[in-house]
Protein backbone atom coordinates (compact mmCIF):
# COMPACT_ATOMS: atom_id res chain seq x y z
CA MET A 1 14.95 -18.32 3.15
CA ASN A 2 12.68 -17.45 5.77
CA ILE A 3 9.97 -14.15 4.58
CA TYR A 4 7.70 -12.30 7.50
CA VAL A 5 4.43 -11.18 5.60
CA GLY A 6 2.33 -8.73 7.58
CA ASN A 7 -0.84 -7.20 7.66
CA LEU A 8 -2.66 -10.46 6.81
CA SER A 9 -6.59 -10.73 6.88
CA TYR A 10 -7.71 -12.75 10.12
CA GLY A 11 -9.02 -14.86 8.27
CA THR A 12 -6.44 -16.27 6.57
CA THR A 13 -5.43 -19.72 7.02
CA ASP A 14 -1.87 -21.97 6.61
CA GLN A 15 -3.08 -22.63 3.24
CA ASP A 16 -3.99 -19.52 2.06
CA LEU A 17 -0.50 -18.87 2.79
CA GLU A 18 1.15 -21.41 1.12
CA THR A 19 -0.79 -21.08 -2.40
CA LEU A 20 -0.39 -17.58 -2.61
CA PHE A 21 3.45 -18.04 -1.84
CA SER A 22 3.58 -21.21 -4.32
CA ALA A 23 3.02 -18.97 -7.22
CA TYR A 24 6.46 -17.95 -7.06
CA GLY A 25 8.42 -21.22 -6.29
CA THR A 26 8.45 -24.16 -4.10
CA VAL A 27 7.19 -23.51 0.15
CA ASP A 28 8.49 -25.52 2.59
CA LYS A 29 6.58 -23.64 4.80
CA ALA A 30 3.66 -21.58 5.49
CA THR A 31 2.39 -20.77 9.19
CA ILE A 32 0.29 -18.06 10.81
CA ILE A 33 0.95 -16.66 14.09
CA LYS A 34 -1.50 -17.00 16.71
CA ASP A 35 -2.29 -16.05 20.43
CA ARG A 36 -1.23 -18.05 22.59
CA GLU A 37 -4.02 -17.60 25.19
CA THR A 38 -6.56 -16.95 22.56
CA GLY A 39 -5.51 -19.04 19.35
CA LYS A 40 -6.64 -15.89 16.97
CA PRO A 41 -4.65 -15.39 14.66
CA ARG A 42 -2.37 -12.15 15.38
CA GLY A 43 -2.07 -10.80 11.46
CA PHE A 44 1.02 -11.80 10.91
CA GLY A 45 3.25 -15.21 9.44
CA PHE A 46 5.77 -16.53 8.14
CA VAL A 47 6.45 -18.52 4.73
CA GLU A 48 9.61 -20.52 4.08
CA MET A 49 10.99 -21.10 1.07
CA SER A 50 14.11 -23.56 -0.08
CA SER A 51 15.23 -21.54 -3.19
CA PRO A 52 16.79 -17.84 -2.22
CA ASP A 53 16.39 -16.78 -6.13
CA GLU A 54 12.22 -18.01 -4.85
CA ALA A 55 11.97 -16.12 -2.17
CA ALA A 56 12.87 -12.97 -3.32
CA LYS A 57 11.18 -13.20 -6.53
CA ALA A 58 8.02 -13.91 -3.83
CA ILE A 59 9.20 -10.95 -1.69
CA GLU A 60 9.19 -8.55 -5.12
CA GLY A 61 6.03 -9.40 -6.62
CA LEU A 62 4.23 -9.54 -3.43
CA HIS A 63 5.32 -6.69 -1.23
CA GLY A 64 2.63 -3.63 -1.16
CA THR A 65 -0.03 -5.99 -3.01
CA GLN A 66 -3.32 -6.19 -2.01
CA PHE A 67 -4.46 -10.16 -0.22
CA GLY A 68 -7.83 -10.27 1.34
CA GLY A 69 -8.55 -7.05 1.73
CA ARG A 70 -5.65 -5.53 2.87
CA THR A 71 -2.09 -4.46 1.46
CA LEU A 72 0.49 -7.09 2.75
CA THR A 73 4.16 -6.87 4.27
CA VAL A 74 6.65 -8.46 3.01
CA ASN A 75 10.37 -9.06 3.71
CA GLU A 76 13.12 -11.38 4.80
CA ALA A 77 12.45 -12.18 8.03
CA ARG A 78 14.95 -10.96 10.96
CA GLU A 79 16.65 -12.59 13.70
CA ARG A 80 14.05 -12.12 16.43
CA SER A 81 15.71 -10.94 19.79
CA ASN A 82 15.40 -10.95 22.94
CA ASN A 83 15.90 -7.11 23.68
CA ASN A 84 11.72 -6.80 21.74
CA ARG A 85 10.33 -8.82 24.57
CA GLY A 86 10.14 -6.14 27.25
CA PRO A 87 11.20 -6.80 31.09
CA ARG A 88 11.43 -10.79 31.82
CA ARG A 89 9.75 -11.41 35.39
CA PHE A 90 10.22 -14.67 37.76
């Protein structure tokens, strides 16, 4: 299951995210999203967990908690739609 993690401190690393979620089960992958142009973190990331039960426990246990001085938003990631990307330029 893919999990969205928002409102992350800009100093949070992939390893920090993996460590945080590993308390709830096996983390397959943890990724902080970075700006394409600057390479700086954008304040959110994604965690992939193989067990839906472990992922549900992580979401329940971490949503609304403090991490790095910020209150986390944690929920199941939604499929990305093309409608949110604005007008296409050719």
